[in-house]
Amino acid sequence: MIFYTLKYIQNNQNADKAILYGLMLVAAFAMIIFTLLYLHNRFCYKIS
């Protein structure tokens, strides 16, 4: 049976959190870009 040390578990948790935060930032950035593109397209048709 493999027993993990506390330091190993903490390092894995930190890596998981870093990956999660990175994915959240990418998702938020993509959402902002698509929202801006949608609003820009909407305003272009409203003015014309």
PDB file of N, CA and C in Angstrom:
ATOM      1  N   MET A   1       0.834  -1.181   0.000  1.00  0.00           N
ATOM      2  CA  MET A   1       0.000   0.000   0.000  1.00  0.00           C
ATOM      3  C   MET A   1       0.884   1.252   0.000  1.00  0.00           C
ATOM      4  N   ILE A   2       0.480   2.261  -0.754  1.00  0.00           N
ATOM      5  CA  ILE A   2       1.265   3.489  -0.837  1.00  0.00           C
ATOM      6  C   ILE A   2       0.688   4.507   0.143  1.00  0.00           C
ATOM      7  N   PHE A   3       1.554   5.051   0.989  1.00  0.00           N
ATOM      8  CA  PHE A   3       1.146   6.099   1.920  1.00  0.00           C
ATOM      9  C   PHE A   3       1.793   7.402   1.474  1.00  0.00           C
ATOM     10  N   TYR A   4       0.985   8.426   1.298  1.00  0.00           N
ATOM     11  CA  TYR A   4       1.492   9.721   0.858  1.00  0.00           C
ATOM     12  C   TYR A   4       1.783  10.601   2.066  1.00  0.00           C
ATOM     13  N   THR A   5       2.817  11.414   1.955  1.00  0.00           N
ATOM     14  CA  THR A   5       3.137  12.341   3.036  1.00  0.00           C
ATOM     15  C   THR A   5       2.232  13.558   2.940  1.00  0.00           C
ATOM     16  N   LEU A   6       2.154  14.289   4.030  1.00  0.00           N
ATOM     17  CA  LEU A   6       1.324  15.493   4.068  1.00  0.00           C
ATOM     18  C   LEU A   6       1.830  16.524   3.059  1.00  0.00           C
ATOM     19  N   LYS A   7       3.134  16.628   2.917  1.00  0.00           N
ATOM     20  CA  LYS A   7       3.714  17.591   1.970  1.00  0.00           C
ATOM     21  C   LYS A   7       3.310  17.251   0.529  1.00  0.00           C
ATOM     22  N   TYR A   8       3.304  15.968   0.183  1.00  0.00           N
ATOM     23  CA  TYR A   8       2.906  15.539  -1.159  1.00  0.00           C
ATOM     24  C   TYR A   8       1.445  15.906  -1.427  1.00  0.00           C
ATOM     25  N   ILE A   9       0.580  15.665  -0.458  1.00  0.00           N
ATOM     26  CA  ILE A   9      -0.847  15.976  -0.625  1.00  0.00           C
ATOM     27  C   ILE A   9      -1.051  17.480  -0.764  1.00  0.00           C
ATOM     28  N   GLN A  10      -0.349  18.268   0.051  1.00  0.00           N
ATOM     29  CA  GLN A  10      -0.479  19.724  -0.027  1.00  0.00           C
ATOM     30  C   GLN A  10       0.026  20.249  -1.368  1.00  0.00           C
ATOM     31  N   ASN A  11       1.109  19.696  -1.879  1.00  0.00           N
ATOM     32  CA  ASN A  11       1.625  20.126  -3.181  1.00  0.00           C
ATOM     33  C   ASN A  11       0.630  19.815  -4.290  1.00  0.00           C
ATOM     34  N   ASN A  12      -0.011  18.660  -4.232  1.00  0.00           N
ATOM     35  CA  ASN A  12      -1.006  18.317  -5.249  1.00  0.00           C
ATOM     36  C   ASN A  12      -2.225  19.219  -5.161  1.00  0.00           C
ATOM     37  N   GLN A  13      -2.633  19.577  -3.956  1.00  0.00           N
ATOM     38  CA  GLN A  13      -3.772  20.471  -3.803  1.00  0.00           C
ATOM     39  C   GLN A  13      -3.443  21.848  -4.369  1.00  0.00           C
ATOM     40  N   ASN A  14      -2.219  22.319  -4.135  1.00  0.00           N
ATOM     41  CA  ASN A  14      -1.821  23.618  -4.664  1.00  0.00           C
ATOM     42  C   ASN A  14      -1.796  23.599  -6.185  1.00  0.00           C
ATOM     43  N   ALA A  15      -1.319  22.517  -6.769  1.00  0.00           N
ATOM     44  CA  ALA A  15      -1.283  22.407  -8.227  1.00  0.00           C
ATOM     45  C   ALA A  15      -2.704  22.366  -8.785  1.00  0.00           C
ATOM     46  N   ASP A  16      -3.594  21.641  -8.120  1.00  0.00           N
ATOM     47  CA  ASP A  16      -4.983  21.575  -8.576  1.00  0.00           C
ATOM     48  C   ASP A  16      -5.649  22.945  -8.511  1.00  0.00           C
ATOM     49  N   LYS A  17      -5.376  23.690  -7.444  1.00  0.00           N
ATOM     50  CA  LYS A  17      -5.954  25.032  -7.317  1.00  0.00           C
ATOM     51  C   LYS A  17      -5.416  25.954  -8.401  1.00  0.00           C
ATOM     52  N   ALA A  18      -4.135  25.851  -8.701  1.00  0.00           N
ATOM     53  CA  ALA A  18      -3.536  26.700  -9.731  1.00  0.00           C
ATOM     54  C   ALA A  18      -4.161  26.399 -11.089  1.00  0.00           C
ATOM     55  N   ILE A  19      -4.362  25.124 -11.394  1.00  0.00           N
ATOM     56  CA  ILE A  19      -4.996  24.752 -12.663  1.00  0.00           C
ATOM     57  C   ILE A  19      -6.431  25.263 -12.704  1.00  0.00           C
ATOM     58  N   LEU A  20      -7.153  25.127 -11.593  1.00  0.00           N
ATOM     59  CA  LEU A  20      -8.540  25.595 -11.529  1.00  0.00           C
ATOM     60  C   LEU A  20      -8.616  27.103 -11.724  1.00  0.00           C
ATOM     61  N   TYR A  21      -7.737  27.860 -11.058  1.00  0.00           N
ATOM     62  CA  TYR A  21      -7.733  29.312 -11.217  1.00  0.00           C
ATOM     63  C   TYR A  21      -7.377  29.704 -12.647  1.00  0.00           C
ATOM     64  N   GLY A  22      -6.449  28.998 -13.250  1.00  0.00           N
ATOM     65  CA  GLY A  22      -6.090  29.282 -14.639  1.00  0.00           C
ATOM     66  C   GLY A  22      -7.257  29.056 -15.582  1.00  0.00           C
ATOM     67  N   LEU A  23      -7.966  27.948 -15.395  1.00  0.00           N
ATOM     68  CA  LEU A  23      -9.134  27.675 -16.238  1.00  0.00           C
ATOM     69  C   LEU A  23     -10.240  28.699 -16.015  1.00  0.00           C
ATOM     70  N   MET A  24     -10.412  29.136 -14.768  1.00  0.00           N
ATOM     71  CA  MET A  24     -11.426  30.154 -14.486  1.00  0.00           C
ATOM     72  C   MET A  24     -11.078  31.476 -15.163  1.00  0.00           C
ATOM     73  N   LEU A  25      -9.804  31.843 -15.153  1.00  0.00           N
ATOM     74  CA  LEU A  25      -9.387  33.079 -15.817  1.00  0.00           C
ATOM     75  C   LEU A  25      -9.595  33.002 -17.325  1.00  0.00           C
ATOM     76  N   VAL A  26      -9.268  31.870 -17.916  1.00  0.00           N
ATOM     77  CA  VAL A  26      -9.473  31.691 -19.355  1.00  0.00           C
ATOM     78  C   VAL A  26     -10.960  31.766 -19.688  1.00  0.00           C
ATOM     79  N   ALA A  27     -11.804  31.121 -18.883  1.00  0.00           N
ATOM     80  CA  ALA A  27     -13.245  31.145 -19.127  1.00  0.00           C
ATOM     81  C   ALA A  27     -13.800  32.558 -18.972  1.00  0.00           C
ATOM     82  N   ALA A  28     -13.358  33.283 -17.957  1.00  0.00           N
ATOM     83  CA  ALA A  28     -13.828  34.654 -17.748  1.00  0.00           C
ATOM     84  C   ALA A  28     -13.383  35.557 -18.899  1.00  0.00           C
ATOM     85  N   PHE A  29     -12.145  35.404 -19.336  1.00  0.00           N
ATOM     86  CA  PHE A  29     -11.636  36.209 -20.442  1.00  0.00           C
ATOM     87  C   PHE A  29     -12.422  35.925 -21.723  1.00  0.00           C
ATOM     88  N   ALA A  30     -12.700  34.652 -21.992  1.00  0.00           N
ATOM     89  CA  ALA A  30     -13.470  34.290 -23.184  1.00  0.00           C
ATOM     90  C   ALA A  30     -14.885  34.853 -23.099  1.00  0.00           C
ATOM     91  N   MET A  31     -15.483  34.819 -21.916  1.00  0.00           N
ATOM     92  CA  MET A  31     -16.836  35.338 -21.757  1.00  0.00           C
ATOM     93  C   MET A  31     -16.874  36.849 -22.000  1.00  0.00           C
ATOM     94  N   ILE A  32     -15.861  37.555 -21.517  1.00  0.00           N
ATOM     95  CA  ILE A  32     -15.795  39.003 -21.741  1.00  0.00           C
ATOM     96  C   ILE A  32     -15.638  39.304 -23.223  1.00  0.00           C
ATOM     97  N   ILE A  33     -14.766  38.581 -23.909  1.00  0.00           N
ATOM     98  CA  ILE A  33     -14.550  38.804 -25.343  1.00  0.00           C
ATOM     99  C   ILE A  33     -15.832  38.554 -26.130  1.00  0.00           C
ATOM    100  N   PHE A  34     -16.505  37.422 -25.864  1.00  0.00           N
ATOM    101  CA  PHE A  34     -17.723  37.113 -26.602  1.00  0.00           C
ATOM    102  C   PHE A  34     -18.841  38.097 -26.285  1.00  0.00           C
ATOM    103  N   THR A  35     -18.904  38.592 -25.052  1.00  0.00           N
ATOM    104  CA  THR A  35     -19.910  39.591 -24.700  1.00  0.00           C
ATOM    105  C   THR A  35     -19.650  40.887 -25.452  1.00  0.00           C
ATOM    106  N   LEU A  36     -18.394  41.302 -25.507  1.00  0.00           N
ATOM    107  CA  LEU A  36     -18.065  42.526 -26.242  1.00  0.00           C
ATOM    108  C   LEU A  36     -18.364  42.376 -27.733  1.00  0.00           C
ATOM    109  N   LEU A  37     -18.044  41.233 -28.312  1.00  0.00           N
ATOM    110  CA  LEU A  37     -18.341  41.011 -29.728  1.00  0.00           C
ATOM    111  C   LEU A  37     -19.849  41.013 -29.981  1.00  0.00           C
ATOM    112  N   TYR A  38     -20.612  40.400 -29.075  1.00  0.00           N
ATOM    113  CA  TYR A  38     -22.066  40.359 -29.219  1.00  0.00           C
ATOM    114  C   TYR A  38     -22.655  41.764 -29.137  1.00  0.00           C
ATOM    115  N   LEU A  39     -22.206  42.541 -28.154  1.00  0.00           N
ATOM    116  CA  LEU A  39     -22.744  43.895 -28.001  1.00  0.00           C
ATOM    117  C   LEU A  39     -22.334  44.781 -29.172  1.00  0.00           C
ATOM    118  N   HIS A  40     -21.109  44.629 -29.654  1.00  0.00           N
ATOM    119  CA  HIS A  40     -20.661  45.417 -30.801  1.00  0.00           C
ATOM    120  C   HIS A  40     -21.513  45.104 -32.024  1.00  0.00           C
ATOM    121  N   ASN A  41     -21.758  43.826 -32.256  1.00  0.00           N
ATOM    122  CA  ASN A  41     -22.582  43.414 -33.387  1.00  0.00           C
ATOM    123  C   ASN A  41     -24.013  43.929 -33.226  1.00  0.00           C
ATOM    124  N   ARG A  42     -24.535  43.895 -32.029  1.00  0.00           N
ATOM    125  CA  ARG A  42     -25.904  44.341 -31.770  1.00  0.00           C
ATOM    126  C   ARG A  42     -26.042  45.840 -32.016  1.00  0.00           C
ATOM    127  N   PHE A  43     -25.053  46.619 -31.557  1.00  0.00           N
ATOM    128  CA  PHE A  43     -25.121  48.065 -31.746  1.00  0.00           C
ATOM    129  C   PHE A  43     -24.941  48.450 -33.213  1.00  0.00           C
ATOM    130  N   CYS A  44     -24.162  47.698 -33.961  1.00  0.00           N
ATOM    131  CA  CYS A  44     -23.977  47.992 -35.383  1.00  0.00           C
ATOM    132  C   CYS A  44     -25.296  47.865 -36.136  1.00  0.00           C
ATOM    133  N   TYR A  45     -26.085  46.858 -35.825  1.00  0.00           N
ATOM    134  CA  TYR A  45     -27.356  46.671 -36.513  1.00  0.00           C
ATOM    135  C   TYR A  45     -28.408  47.655 -36.036  1.00  0.00           C
ATOM    136  N   LYS A  46     -28.321  48.110 -34.799  1.00  0.00           N
ATOM    137  CA  LYS A  46     -29.309  49.031 -34.264  1.00  0.00           C
ATOM    138  C   LYS A  46     -29.154  50.411 -34.904  1.00  0.00           C
ATOM    139  N   ILE A  47     -27.925  50.846 -35.139  1.00  0.00           N
ATOM    140  CA  ILE A  47     -27.664  52.176 -35.687  1.00  0.00           C
ATOM    141  C   ILE A  47     -28.019  52.233 -37.172  1.00  0.00           C
ATOM    142  N   SER A  48     -27.740  51.199 -37.909  1.00  0.00           N
ATOM    143  CA  SER A  48     -27.926  51.220 -39.367  1.00  0.00           C
ATOM    144  C   SER A  48     -29.364  51.342 -39.764  1.00  0.00           C
TER     145      SER A  48
END
